[in-house]
Amino acid sequence: MIPLTADQLVRAYSMGVFPMARHRDDPRLFWIDPEERGILPLDGFHLSHSMRKVLRHTDLIVRCDSAFEEVIGLCAETAPDRPETWINEEIFRLFGELHRYGLAHSVEAWRGDTLVGGLYGLSLGGAFFGESMFSRETNASKIALAHLVARLRHGGYTLLDTQFVTEHLARFGAIEIPRRDYLRRLADAIDRRAVFHGDLPGSEVLALLSSQSSTQMS
């Protein structure tokens, strides 16, 4: 089996396909191209009143890219509600390379020196491909997701790809769209210039997320 390269992975994402392993210990990767693709519209992010309060009063510290490999490792761990994960050593290796190239990023929620939640994904042009998230504390992954959306809005991104729609993501406004619609949005986003802002004060995060209509935030 010939290992994939980071360049090949980037080309695959730019064409609308992504890799997954059947389980963590399976060394093989399979290309996934779902007929219905999950996205979280950046202008339709649903921030509830309770979540706004959490963001306003949390004592968690949010950082970006300070513990990228640790985030992937924690995303790859099993949990009572997730007995199997699809992140194998090959994905770990490839995304480590993409991070070193400045293309893959993590958003991390910290309590002191302890990483309690976070997510990671790939940035190409104005598209961000969210890969996985984890939480070791109530609301930690939700806070990381809110910070991600604020950074993408601030940086000029137009597409947040979630691959699939889970119940958790649906609460924030994630939807499924047909493959053809997704590929059109992807092509437009890839051609855009966007900047992933790692440093963004919490006050700016709330301002960016609160700039949406009251119907989207209700």
N, C-alpha and C. Protein backbone atom coordinates (compact mmCIF):
# COMPACT_ATOMS: atom_id res chain seq x y z
N MET A 1 0.84 -1.19 0.00
CA MET A 1 0.00 0.00 0.00
C MET A 1 0.88 1.24 0.00
N ILE A 2 0.72 2.09 -1.00
CA ILE A 2 1.52 3.31 -1.12
C ILE A 2 0.90 4.40 -0.27
N PRO A 3 1.66 4.98 0.67
CA PRO A 3 1.09 6.02 1.54
C PRO A 3 0.65 7.25 0.75
N LEU A 4 -0.42 7.85 1.20
CA LEU A 4 -0.86 9.12 0.61
C LEU A 4 0.10 10.22 1.00
N THR A 5 0.17 11.25 0.18
CA THR A 5 0.94 12.43 0.52
C THR A 5 -0.02 13.54 0.91
N ALA A 6 0.51 14.54 1.59
CA ALA A 6 -0.31 15.68 1.98
C ALA A 6 -0.85 16.41 0.76
N ASP A 7 -0.05 16.50 -0.30
CA ASP A 7 -0.51 17.16 -1.53
C ASP A 7 -1.69 16.42 -2.15
N GLN A 8 -1.64 15.11 -2.14
CA GLN A 8 -2.75 14.32 -2.67
C GLN A 8 -4.01 14.54 -1.84
N LEU A 9 -3.83 14.65 -0.55
CA LEU A 9 -4.97 14.88 0.33
C LEU A 9 -5.62 16.24 0.05
N VAL A 10 -4.79 17.24 -0.15
CA VAL A 10 -5.31 18.57 -0.47
C VAL A 10 -6.09 18.53 -1.77
N ARG A 11 -5.57 17.85 -2.78
CA ARG A 11 -6.27 17.77 -4.07
C ARG A 11 -7.61 17.05 -3.91
N ALA A 12 -7.64 16.02 -3.08
CA ALA A 12 -8.88 15.29 -2.86
C ALA A 12 -9.94 16.19 -2.21
N TYR A 13 -9.55 16.92 -1.18
CA TYR A 13 -10.51 17.81 -0.53
C TYR A 13 -11.01 18.88 -1.50
N SER A 14 -10.12 19.39 -2.34
CA SER A 14 -10.53 20.42 -3.28
C SER A 14 -11.50 19.89 -4.33
N MET A 15 -11.56 18.57 -4.50
CA MET A 15 -12.50 17.95 -5.43
C MET A 15 -13.75 17.43 -4.73
N GLY A 16 -13.81 17.57 -3.41
CA GLY A 16 -15.02 17.21 -2.69
C GLY A 16 -15.03 15.86 -2.02
N VAL A 17 -13.89 15.17 -1.97
CA VAL A 17 -13.84 13.87 -1.30
C VAL A 17 -12.90 13.94 -0.11
N PHE A 18 -13.11 13.07 0.86
CA PHE A 18 -12.28 13.07 2.06
C PHE A 18 -12.06 11.64 2.53
N PRO A 19 -10.99 11.38 3.28
CA PRO A 19 -10.68 10.01 3.70
C PRO A 19 -11.20 9.70 5.10
N MET A 20 -11.51 8.45 5.32
CA MET A 20 -11.84 7.95 6.65
C MET A 20 -11.35 6.51 6.75
N ALA A 21 -11.02 6.11 7.96
CA ALA A 21 -10.71 4.70 8.22
C ALA A 21 -11.95 4.04 8.81
N ARG A 22 -12.06 2.74 8.65
CA ARG A 22 -13.22 2.03 9.21
C ARG A 22 -13.19 2.07 10.74
N HIS A 23 -11.98 2.01 11.29
CA HIS A 23 -11.81 2.17 12.73
C HIS A 23 -10.36 2.55 12.99
N ARG A 24 -10.08 2.92 14.20
CA ARG A 24 -8.79 3.50 14.55
C ARG A 24 -7.60 2.58 14.23
N ASP A 25 -7.79 1.27 14.37
CA ASP A 25 -6.68 0.33 14.18
C ASP A 25 -6.56 -0.19 12.75
N ASP A 26 -7.43 0.26 11.86
CA ASP A 26 -7.36 -0.15 10.46
C ASP A 26 -6.40 0.78 9.73
N PRO A 27 -5.32 0.26 9.14
CA PRO A 27 -4.35 1.14 8.47
C PRO A 27 -4.84 1.70 7.14
N ARG A 28 -5.94 1.16 6.61
CA ARG A 28 -6.42 1.59 5.30
C ARG A 28 -7.29 2.84 5.42
N LEU A 29 -7.31 3.61 4.32
CA LEU A 29 -8.19 4.76 4.21
C LEU A 29 -9.14 4.55 3.05
N PHE A 30 -10.35 5.05 3.19
CA PHE A 30 -11.35 4.95 2.14
C PHE A 30 -11.84 6.36 1.79
N TRP A 31 -12.02 6.60 0.50
CA TRP A 31 -12.49 7.92 0.05
C TRP A 31 -14.01 8.00 0.21
N ILE A 32 -14.48 9.07 0.80
CA ILE A 32 -15.90 9.27 1.06
C ILE A 32 -16.39 10.44 0.21
N ASP A 33 -17.50 10.21 -0.49
CA ASP A 33 -18.10 11.24 -1.35
C ASP A 33 -19.62 11.15 -1.20
N PRO A 34 -20.17 11.63 -0.08
CA PRO A 34 -21.59 11.42 0.20
C PRO A 34 -22.50 12.18 -0.76
N GLU A 35 -23.64 11.59 -1.04
CA GLU A 35 -24.62 12.26 -1.90
C GLU A 35 -25.18 13.50 -1.23
N GLU A 36 -25.34 13.46 0.08
CA GLU A 36 -25.79 14.61 0.86
C GLU A 36 -24.65 15.04 1.77
N ARG A 37 -24.24 16.28 1.64
CA ARG A 37 -23.06 16.78 2.37
C ARG A 37 -23.48 17.71 3.50
N GLY A 38 -22.86 17.53 4.65
CA GLY A 38 -23.15 18.40 5.78
C GLY A 38 -22.33 19.67 5.73
N ILE A 39 -23.01 20.81 5.91
CA ILE A 39 -22.32 22.09 6.04
C ILE A 39 -22.97 22.87 7.18
N LEU A 40 -22.22 23.82 7.72
CA LEU A 40 -22.77 24.72 8.71
C LEU A 40 -22.68 26.12 8.12
N PRO A 41 -23.79 26.66 7.59
CA PRO A 41 -23.74 27.98 6.97
C PRO A 41 -23.24 29.03 7.96
N LEU A 42 -22.21 29.74 7.58
CA LEU A 42 -21.60 30.71 8.49
C LEU A 42 -22.52 31.87 8.79
N ASP A 43 -23.43 32.18 7.87
CA ASP A 43 -24.39 33.25 8.13
C ASP A 43 -25.67 32.72 8.76
N GLY A 44 -25.69 31.44 9.09
CA GLY A 44 -26.86 30.84 9.71
C GLY A 44 -26.52 30.11 10.99
N PHE A 45 -25.37 30.44 11.58
CA PHE A 45 -24.96 29.79 12.82
C PHE A 45 -25.94 30.15 13.93
N HIS A 46 -26.49 29.14 14.57
CA HIS A 46 -27.51 29.35 15.60
C HIS A 46 -26.84 29.43 16.97
N LEU A 47 -26.85 30.62 17.55
CA LEU A 47 -26.28 30.83 18.88
C LEU A 47 -27.42 31.10 19.84
N SER A 48 -27.72 30.13 20.68
CA SER A 48 -28.84 30.27 21.62
C SER A 48 -28.49 31.26 22.72
N HIS A 49 -29.53 31.73 23.41
CA HIS A 49 -29.31 32.65 24.52
C HIS A 49 -28.45 32.00 25.60
N SER A 50 -28.70 30.72 25.86
CA SER A 50 -27.91 30.04 26.89
C SER A 50 -26.45 29.92 26.48
N MET A 51 -26.21 29.67 25.18
CA MET A 51 -24.83 29.54 24.74
C MET A 51 -24.12 30.89 24.75
N ARG A 52 -24.86 31.96 24.48
CA ARG A 52 -24.26 33.30 24.58
C ARG A 52 -23.81 33.58 26.02
N LYS A 53 -24.62 33.15 26.97
CA LYS A 53 -24.25 33.34 28.38
C LYS A 53 -23.00 32.53 28.72
N VAL A 54 -22.95 31.30 28.17
CA VAL A 54 -21.77 30.47 28.42
C VAL A 54 -20.52 31.15 27.88
N LEU A 55 -20.60 31.66 26.65
CA LEU A 55 -19.44 32.33 26.05
C LEU A 55 -19.05 33.58 26.83
N ARG A 56 -20.04 34.27 27.35
CA ARG A 56 -19.77 35.52 28.05
C ARG A 56 -19.12 35.28 29.41
N HIS A 57 -19.49 34.18 30.06
CA HIS A 57 -19.06 33.98 31.45
C HIS A 57 -18.08 32.83 31.65
N THR A 58 -17.73 32.11 30.61
CA THR A 58 -16.84 30.97 30.79
C THR A 58 -15.46 31.39 31.28
N ASP A 59 -14.85 30.53 32.08
CA ASP A 59 -13.48 30.79 32.50
C ASP A 59 -12.49 29.92 31.72
N LEU A 60 -12.98 29.24 30.68
CA LEU A 60 -12.08 28.49 29.81
C LEU A 60 -11.32 29.46 28.91
N ILE A 61 -10.09 29.13 28.62
CA ILE A 61 -9.26 29.92 27.71
C ILE A 61 -9.23 29.21 26.36
N VAL A 62 -9.48 29.94 25.28
CA VAL A 62 -9.45 29.37 23.94
C VAL A 62 -8.17 29.77 23.23
N ARG A 63 -7.48 28.78 22.71
CA ARG A 63 -6.26 29.01 21.93
C ARG A 63 -6.38 28.27 20.61
N CYS A 64 -5.54 28.63 19.66
CA CYS A 64 -5.50 27.95 18.37
C CYS A 64 -4.09 27.45 18.09
N ASP A 65 -4.00 26.23 17.63
CA ASP A 65 -2.74 25.66 17.12
C ASP A 65 -1.64 25.53 18.16
N SER A 66 -2.00 25.52 19.44
CA SER A 66 -0.95 25.37 20.45
C SER A 66 -0.74 23.91 20.85
N ALA A 67 -1.69 23.03 20.48
CA ALA A 67 -1.58 21.62 20.83
C ALA A 67 -2.28 20.79 19.75
N PHE A 68 -1.90 21.02 18.51
CA PHE A 68 -2.61 20.40 17.39
C PHE A 68 -2.62 18.88 17.47
N GLU A 69 -1.48 18.27 17.66
CA GLU A 69 -1.42 16.80 17.69
C GLU A 69 -2.17 16.23 18.88
N GLU A 70 -2.16 16.95 19.99
CA GLU A 70 -2.90 16.48 21.17
C GLU A 70 -4.40 16.52 20.88
N VAL A 71 -4.85 17.52 20.15
CA VAL A 71 -6.27 17.60 19.79
C VAL A 71 -6.67 16.40 18.94
N ILE A 72 -5.87 16.09 17.91
CA ILE A 72 -6.20 14.93 17.08
C ILE A 72 -6.21 13.65 17.92
N GLY A 73 -5.23 13.51 18.79
CA GLY A 73 -5.17 12.32 19.63
C GLY A 73 -6.41 12.16 20.50
N LEU A 74 -6.90 13.26 21.06
CA LEU A 74 -8.09 13.20 21.90
C LEU A 74 -9.35 12.98 21.06
N CYS A 75 -9.37 13.54 19.85
CA CYS A 75 -10.49 13.27 18.94
C CYS A 75 -10.54 11.79 18.55
N ALA A 76 -9.38 11.15 18.49
CA ALA A 76 -9.31 9.75 18.07
C ALA A 76 -9.66 8.77 19.18
N GLU A 77 -9.75 9.26 20.42
CA GLU A 77 -10.05 8.37 21.53
C GLU A 77 -11.51 7.93 21.49
N THR A 78 -11.75 6.73 21.97
CA THR A 78 -13.13 6.25 22.09
C THR A 78 -13.78 6.84 23.34
N ALA A 79 -15.10 6.79 23.35
CA ALA A 79 -15.87 7.29 24.48
C ALA A 79 -17.12 6.43 24.62
N PRO A 80 -17.83 6.53 25.76
CA PRO A 80 -19.03 5.70 25.94
C PRO A 80 -20.04 5.87 24.81
N ASP A 81 -20.16 7.09 24.29
CA ASP A 81 -21.11 7.32 23.20
C ASP A 81 -20.44 7.22 21.83
N ARG A 82 -19.16 6.82 21.81
CA ARG A 82 -18.42 6.70 20.56
C ARG A 82 -17.43 5.54 20.69
N PRO A 83 -17.93 4.30 20.56
CA PRO A 83 -17.07 3.14 20.78
C PRO A 83 -15.99 2.95 19.72
N GLU A 84 -16.19 3.52 18.54
CA GLU A 84 -15.18 3.44 17.48
C GLU A 84 -14.94 4.83 16.89
N THR A 85 -13.72 5.09 16.48
CA THR A 85 -13.42 6.35 15.79
C THR A 85 -12.73 6.02 14.47
N TRP A 86 -12.77 6.97 13.55
CA TRP A 86 -12.27 6.74 12.20
C TRP A 86 -10.88 7.36 11.99
N ILE A 87 -10.30 7.92 13.02
CA ILE A 87 -8.99 8.58 12.90
C ILE A 87 -7.90 7.57 13.18
N ASN A 88 -7.21 7.12 12.13
CA ASN A 88 -6.13 6.15 12.31
C ASN A 88 -4.77 6.85 12.24
N GLU A 89 -3.71 6.06 12.28
CA GLU A 89 -2.37 6.64 12.29
C GLU A 89 -2.05 7.39 11.00
N GLU A 90 -2.62 6.93 9.88
CA GLU A 90 -2.36 7.59 8.61
C GLU A 90 -2.98 8.99 8.59
N ILE A 91 -4.18 9.13 9.07
CA ILE A 91 -4.80 10.45 9.15
C ILE A 91 -4.02 11.33 10.12
N PHE A 92 -3.60 10.75 11.22
CA PHE A 92 -2.80 11.49 12.19
C PHE A 92 -1.53 12.03 11.52
N ARG A 93 -0.88 11.18 10.74
CA ARG A 93 0.36 11.59 10.06
C ARG A 93 0.10 12.68 9.02
N LEU A 94 -0.91 12.48 8.20
CA LEU A 94 -1.19 13.42 7.11
C LEU A 94 -1.59 14.79 7.65
N PHE A 95 -2.44 14.83 8.65
CA PHE A 95 -2.86 16.12 9.18
C PHE A 95 -1.75 16.79 9.99
N GLY A 96 -0.86 15.99 10.54
CA GLY A 96 0.32 16.60 11.17
C GLY A 96 1.16 17.34 10.14
N GLU A 97 1.31 16.75 8.94
CA GLU A 97 2.03 17.43 7.87
C GLU A 97 1.30 18.69 7.42
N LEU A 98 -0.01 18.59 7.25
CA LEU A 98 -0.79 19.75 6.82
C LEU A 98 -0.72 20.87 7.84
N HIS A 99 -0.66 20.52 9.11
CA HIS A 99 -0.52 21.54 10.15
C HIS A 99 0.84 22.23 10.04
N ARG A 100 1.87 21.46 9.78
CA ARG A 100 3.20 22.06 9.64
C ARG A 100 3.28 22.94 8.40
N TYR A 101 2.46 22.66 7.39
CA TYR A 101 2.39 23.49 6.19
C TYR A 101 1.54 24.74 6.42
N GLY A 102 0.87 24.82 7.57
CA GLY A 102 0.02 25.96 7.85
C GLY A 102 -1.39 25.84 7.29
N LEU A 103 -1.80 24.62 6.90
CA LEU A 103 -3.11 24.42 6.30
C LEU A 103 -4.13 23.81 7.26
N ALA A 104 -3.68 23.12 8.26
CA ALA A 104 -4.59 22.51 9.23
C ALA A 104 -4.48 23.24 10.56
N HIS A 105 -5.62 23.42 11.21
CA HIS A 105 -5.66 24.22 12.44
C HIS A 105 -6.49 23.52 13.51
N SER A 106 -6.18 23.86 14.74
CA SER A 106 -6.97 23.39 15.87
C SER A 106 -7.48 24.58 16.67
N VAL A 107 -8.66 24.42 17.24
CA VAL A 107 -9.22 25.39 18.18
C VAL A 107 -9.38 24.63 19.49
N GLU A 108 -8.81 25.17 20.56
CA GLU A 108 -8.67 24.42 21.80
C GLU A 108 -9.28 25.17 22.98
N ALA A 109 -9.95 24.46 23.85
CA ALA A 109 -10.50 25.02 25.09
C ALA A 109 -9.67 24.48 26.25
N TRP A 110 -9.11 25.38 27.02
CA TRP A 110 -8.20 25.02 28.10
C TRP A 110 -8.75 25.46 29.45
N ARG A 111 -8.59 24.59 30.45
CA ARG A 111 -8.79 24.98 31.84
C ARG A 111 -7.43 24.90 32.51
N GLY A 112 -6.83 26.06 32.69
CA GLY A 112 -5.47 26.08 33.18
C GLY A 112 -4.55 25.43 32.17
N ASP A 113 -3.83 24.41 32.62
CA ASP A 113 -2.91 23.69 31.74
C ASP A 113 -3.53 22.41 31.16
N THR A 114 -4.83 22.24 31.35
CA THR A 114 -5.50 21.03 30.89
C THR A 114 -6.37 21.31 29.67
N LEU A 115 -6.17 20.55 28.62
CA LEU A 115 -6.97 20.66 27.40
C LEU A 115 -8.28 19.90 27.61
N VAL A 116 -9.40 20.61 27.62
CA VAL A 116 -10.68 19.97 27.97
C VAL A 116 -11.64 19.88 26.79
N GLY A 117 -11.30 20.47 25.65
CA GLY A 117 -12.16 20.38 24.48
C GLY A 117 -11.49 21.00 23.28
N GLY A 118 -11.97 20.65 22.10
CA GLY A 118 -11.39 21.25 20.91
C GLY A 118 -11.83 20.57 19.63
N LEU A 119 -11.31 21.08 18.55
CA LEU A 119 -11.62 20.55 17.23
C LEU A 119 -10.44 20.84 16.31
N TYR A 120 -10.44 20.19 15.15
CA TYR A 120 -9.41 20.48 14.16
C TYR A 120 -9.99 20.35 12.77
N GLY A 121 -9.30 20.94 11.80
CA GLY A 121 -9.78 20.86 10.43
C GLY A 121 -8.77 21.43 9.47
N LEU A 122 -9.15 21.41 8.19
CA LEU A 122 -8.29 21.82 7.09
C LEU A 122 -8.81 23.10 6.47
N SER A 123 -7.90 24.03 6.18
CA SER A 123 -8.25 25.30 5.56
C SER A 123 -7.68 25.37 4.15
N LEU A 124 -8.58 25.58 3.17
CA LEU A 124 -8.17 25.75 1.77
C LEU A 124 -8.94 26.92 1.19
N GLY A 125 -8.25 27.98 0.85
CA GLY A 125 -8.93 29.17 0.34
C GLY A 125 -9.92 29.66 1.36
N GLY A 126 -11.18 29.85 0.92
CA GLY A 126 -12.23 30.28 1.83
C GLY A 126 -13.08 29.14 2.34
N ALA A 127 -12.55 27.92 2.29
CA ALA A 127 -13.27 26.75 2.79
C ALA A 127 -12.53 26.18 4.01
N PHE A 128 -13.31 25.79 5.01
CA PHE A 128 -12.74 25.11 6.17
C PHE A 128 -13.47 23.78 6.32
N PHE A 129 -12.68 22.70 6.37
CA PHE A 129 -13.23 21.36 6.48
C PHE A 129 -13.08 20.88 7.92
N GLY A 130 -14.17 20.96 8.67
CA GLY A 130 -14.12 20.51 10.06
C GLY A 130 -14.05 19.00 10.12
N GLU A 131 -13.05 18.48 10.81
CA GLU A 131 -12.82 17.04 10.83
C GLU A 131 -13.43 16.34 12.03
N SER A 132 -13.11 16.79 13.21
CA SER A 132 -13.60 16.11 14.41
C SER A 132 -13.47 17.05 15.59
N MET A 133 -14.22 16.73 16.65
CA MET A 133 -14.13 17.50 17.88
C MET A 133 -14.25 16.57 19.07
N PHE A 134 -13.84 17.05 20.24
CA PHE A 134 -13.96 16.26 21.46
C PHE A 134 -14.28 17.19 22.61
N SER A 135 -14.77 16.62 23.69
CA SER A 135 -15.08 17.40 24.87
C SER A 135 -14.83 16.55 26.10
N ARG A 136 -14.11 17.10 27.06
CA ARG A 136 -13.88 16.45 28.33
C ARG A 136 -14.55 17.23 29.46
N GLU A 137 -15.31 18.25 29.09
CA GLU A 137 -15.99 19.10 30.06
C GLU A 137 -17.22 19.69 29.38
N THR A 138 -18.28 19.86 30.12
CA THR A 138 -19.53 20.39 29.58
C THR A 138 -19.29 21.70 28.84
N ASN A 139 -19.80 21.77 27.63
CA ASN A 139 -19.75 22.96 26.76
C ASN A 139 -18.39 23.25 26.14
N ALA A 140 -17.36 22.46 26.44
CA ALA A 140 -16.03 22.78 25.93
C ALA A 140 -15.97 22.72 24.41
N SER A 141 -16.54 21.67 23.79
CA SER A 141 -16.50 21.58 22.33
C SER A 141 -17.42 22.62 21.69
N LYS A 142 -18.51 22.97 22.38
CA LYS A 142 -19.41 24.01 21.87
C LYS A 142 -18.70 25.36 21.83
N ILE A 143 -17.94 25.64 22.86
CA ILE A 143 -17.18 26.89 22.90
C ILE A 143 -16.15 26.91 21.78
N ALA A 144 -15.47 25.78 21.56
CA ALA A 144 -14.48 25.71 20.47
C ALA A 144 -15.15 25.93 19.13
N LEU A 145 -16.34 25.34 18.93
CA LEU A 145 -17.04 25.50 17.65
C LEU A 145 -17.46 26.95 17.44
N ALA A 146 -17.97 27.60 18.48
CA ALA A 146 -18.36 29.00 18.36
C ALA A 146 -17.16 29.87 18.01
N HIS A 147 -16.03 29.60 18.62
CA HIS A 147 -14.81 30.36 18.32
C HIS A 147 -14.35 30.11 16.89
N LEU A 148 -14.50 28.86 16.43
CA LEU A 148 -14.14 28.57 15.04
C LEU A 148 -15.00 29.39 14.09
N VAL A 149 -16.32 29.38 14.28
CA VAL A 149 -17.21 30.11 13.39
C VAL A 149 -16.87 31.60 13.39
N ALA A 150 -16.60 32.16 14.55
CA ALA A 150 -16.24 33.58 14.62
C ALA A 150 -14.97 33.86 13.83
N ARG A 151 -13.99 32.98 13.94
CA ARG A 151 -12.74 33.18 13.21
C ARG A 151 -12.95 33.06 11.70
N LEU A 152 -13.79 32.14 11.29
CA LEU A 152 -14.05 31.98 9.87
C LEU A 152 -14.81 33.19 9.32
N ARG A 153 -15.77 33.67 10.06
CA ARG A 153 -16.49 34.87 9.63
C ARG A 153 -15.54 36.06 9.54
N HIS A 154 -14.70 36.21 10.53
CA HIS A 154 -13.75 37.32 10.58
C HIS A 154 -12.72 37.22 9.46
N GLY A 155 -12.35 36.00 9.09
CA GLY A 155 -11.29 35.80 8.11
C GLY A 155 -11.74 35.76 6.66
N GLY A 156 -13.04 35.86 6.41
CA GLY A 156 -13.52 35.89 5.04
C GLY A 156 -13.84 34.54 4.44
N TYR A 157 -14.03 33.52 5.27
CA TYR A 157 -14.41 32.20 4.77
C TYR A 157 -15.88 32.20 4.35
N THR A 158 -16.22 31.33 3.42
CA THR A 158 -17.61 31.23 2.97
C THR A 158 -18.19 29.83 3.14
N LEU A 159 -17.36 28.84 3.47
CA LEU A 159 -17.85 27.47 3.58
C LEU A 159 -17.24 26.78 4.79
N LEU A 160 -18.12 26.25 5.65
CA LEU A 160 -17.69 25.38 6.74
C LEU A 160 -18.29 24.00 6.49
N ASP A 161 -17.45 23.08 6.04
CA ASP A 161 -17.85 21.72 5.70
C ASP A 161 -17.80 20.87 6.97
N THR A 162 -18.93 20.26 7.33
CA THR A 162 -18.96 19.37 8.49
C THR A 162 -19.02 17.90 8.08
N GLN A 163 -18.99 17.63 6.78
CA GLN A 163 -19.03 16.28 6.21
C GLN A 163 -20.40 15.63 6.41
N PHE A 164 -20.78 15.41 7.66
CA PHE A 164 -22.09 14.87 7.98
C PHE A 164 -22.77 15.80 8.99
N VAL A 165 -24.05 15.58 9.22
CA VAL A 165 -24.78 16.37 10.20
C VAL A 165 -25.16 15.48 11.38
N THR A 166 -24.62 15.80 12.54
CA THR A 166 -24.98 15.10 13.77
C THR A 166 -26.04 15.91 14.51
N GLU A 167 -26.65 15.28 15.48
CA GLU A 167 -27.64 16.01 16.30
C GLU A 167 -26.99 17.21 16.98
N HIS A 168 -25.76 17.04 17.42
CA HIS A 168 -25.02 18.13 18.06
C HIS A 168 -24.85 19.31 17.10
N LEU A 169 -24.42 19.04 15.87
CA LEU A 169 -24.19 20.12 14.91
C LEU A 169 -25.50 20.74 14.43
N ALA A 170 -26.54 19.93 14.35
CA ALA A 170 -27.83 20.45 13.89
C ALA A 170 -28.34 21.54 14.82
N ARG A 171 -28.03 21.45 16.10
CA ARG A 171 -28.47 22.47 17.04
C ARG A 171 -27.86 23.84 16.71
N PHE A 172 -26.73 23.81 16.04
CA PHE A 172 -26.06 25.07 15.69
C PHE A 172 -26.40 25.54 14.27
N GLY A 173 -27.25 24.80 13.58
CA GLY A 173 -27.68 25.22 12.25
C GLY A 173 -27.12 24.42 11.11
N ALA A 174 -26.43 23.32 11.38
CA ALA A 174 -25.88 22.50 10.30
C ALA A 174 -27.01 21.89 9.47
N ILE A 175 -26.78 21.80 8.17
CA ILE A 175 -27.78 21.27 7.24
C ILE A 175 -27.11 20.33 6.25
N GLU A 176 -27.91 19.56 5.54
CA GLU A 176 -27.41 18.72 4.45
C GLU A 176 -27.81 19.34 3.12
N ILE A 177 -26.89 19.32 2.17
CA ILE A 177 -27.19 19.81 0.83
C ILE A 177 -26.75 18.76 -0.19
N PRO A 178 -27.35 18.73 -1.37
CA PRO A 178 -26.97 17.75 -2.39
C PRO A 178 -25.52 17.94 -2.84
N ARG A 179 -24.92 16.85 -3.29
CA ARG A 179 -23.52 16.89 -3.72
C ARG A 179 -23.28 17.99 -4.77
N ARG A 180 -24.17 18.11 -5.74
CA ARG A 180 -23.97 19.10 -6.79
C ARG A 180 -23.92 20.52 -6.23
N ASP A 181 -24.80 20.82 -5.29
CA ASP A 181 -24.82 22.14 -4.65
C ASP A 181 -23.55 22.35 -3.85
N TYR A 182 -23.13 21.28 -3.14
CA TYR A 182 -21.90 21.38 -2.35
C TYR A 182 -20.69 21.67 -3.24
N LEU A 183 -20.56 20.96 -4.35
CA LEU A 183 -19.41 21.15 -5.23
C LEU A 183 -19.38 22.57 -5.80
N ARG A 184 -20.55 23.13 -6.06
CA ARG A 184 -20.60 24.51 -6.54
C ARG A 184 -20.09 25.46 -5.47
N ARG A 185 -20.55 25.27 -4.25
CA ARG A 185 -20.10 26.12 -3.15
C ARG A 185 -18.62 25.93 -2.87
N LEU A 186 -18.17 24.69 -2.97
CA LEU A 186 -16.76 24.40 -2.74
C LEU A 186 -15.87 25.10 -3.75
N ALA A 187 -16.21 25.01 -5.03
CA ALA A 187 -15.41 25.64 -6.07
C ALA A 187 -15.31 27.14 -5.85
N ASP A 188 -16.42 27.76 -5.46
CA ASP A 188 -16.40 29.20 -5.19
C ASP A 188 -15.53 29.52 -3.99
N ALA A 189 -15.64 28.72 -2.93
CA ALA A 189 -14.88 28.98 -1.71
C ALA A 189 -13.38 28.78 -1.90
N ILE A 190 -13.00 27.73 -2.62
CA ILE A 190 -11.59 27.43 -2.82
C ILE A 190 -10.86 28.58 -3.52
N ASP A 191 -11.56 29.28 -4.40
CA ASP A 191 -10.95 30.38 -5.16
C ASP A 191 -10.84 31.67 -4.37
N ARG A 192 -11.39 31.70 -3.17
CA ARG A 192 -11.35 32.92 -2.37
C ARG A 192 -10.09 32.97 -1.50
N ARG A 193 -9.74 34.18 -1.11
CA ARG A 193 -8.65 34.36 -0.16
C ARG A 193 -9.23 34.59 1.21
N ALA A 194 -8.76 33.83 2.17
CA ALA A 194 -9.25 33.96 3.55
C ALA A 194 -8.06 33.78 4.50
N VAL A 195 -8.23 34.28 5.70
CA VAL A 195 -7.17 34.22 6.70
C VAL A 195 -7.72 33.61 7.98
N PHE A 196 -7.04 32.60 8.49
CA PHE A 196 -7.43 31.98 9.76
C PHE A 196 -6.78 32.77 10.88
N HIS A 197 -7.59 33.48 11.66
CA HIS A 197 -7.07 34.32 12.74
C HIS A 197 -7.00 33.51 14.03
N GLY A 198 -5.80 33.18 14.43
CA GLY A 198 -5.64 32.42 15.66
C GLY A 198 -5.93 33.23 16.90
N ASP A 199 -5.53 34.50 16.89
CA ASP A 199 -5.73 35.37 18.04
C ASP A 199 -6.97 36.23 17.82
N LEU A 200 -7.99 35.98 18.63
CA LEU A 200 -9.22 36.74 18.53
C LEU A 200 -9.82 36.86 19.93
N PRO A 201 -9.87 38.08 20.47
CA PRO A 201 -10.39 38.27 21.83
C PRO A 201 -11.83 37.77 21.97
N GLY A 202 -12.16 37.31 23.17
CA GLY A 202 -13.50 36.80 23.41
C GLY A 202 -14.59 37.81 23.11
N SER A 203 -14.33 39.08 23.38
CA SER A 203 -15.32 40.11 23.11
C SER A 203 -15.60 40.21 21.61
N GLU A 204 -14.58 40.04 20.79
CA GLU A 204 -14.78 40.07 19.35
C GLU A 204 -15.53 38.84 18.86
N VAL A 205 -15.29 37.71 19.51
CA VAL A 205 -16.01 36.49 19.15
C VAL A 205 -17.50 36.70 19.33
N LEU A 206 -17.90 37.22 20.48
CA LEU A 206 -19.33 37.46 20.74
C LEU A 206 -19.89 38.49 19.77
N ALA A 207 -19.14 39.53 19.47
CA ALA A 207 -19.61 40.55 18.55
C ALA A 207 -19.82 39.97 17.16
N LEU A 208 -18.90 39.13 16.71
CA LEU A 208 -19.02 38.52 15.38
C LEU A 208 -20.22 37.58 15.31
N LEU A 209 -20.42 36.82 16.36
CA LEU A 209 -21.52 35.86 16.36
C LEU A 209 -22.86 36.56 16.58
N SER A 210 -22.84 37.69 17.25
CA SER A 210 -24.09 38.41 17.53
C SER A 210 -24.49 39.33 16.39
N SER A 211 -23.69 39.39 15.35
CA SER A 211 -24.01 40.27 14.23
C SER A 211 -25.06 39.68 13.31
N GLN A 212 -25.47 38.45 13.59
CA GLN A 212 -26.50 37.81 12.78
C GLN A 212 -27.87 38.29 13.22
N SER A 213 -28.87 37.95 12.45
CA SER A 213 -30.23 38.39 12.76
C SER A 213 -30.74 37.71 14.01
N SER A 214 -31.70 38.32 14.66
CA SER A 214 -32.26 37.78 15.88
C SER A 214 -32.97 36.46 15.61
N THR A 215 -33.47 36.25 14.41
CA THR A 215 -34.13 34.98 14.10
C THR A 215 -33.13 33.84 14.07
N GLN A 216 -31.89 34.12 13.66
CA GLN A 216 -30.87 33.09 13.62
C GLN A 216 -30.35 32.78 15.03
N MET A 217 -30.49 33.73 15.94
CA MET A 217 -29.93 33.57 17.27
C MET A 217 -30.97 33.20 18.31
N SER A 218 -32.21 33.13 17.95
CA SER A 218 -33.26 32.91 18.93
C SER A 218 -33.22 31.49 19.50
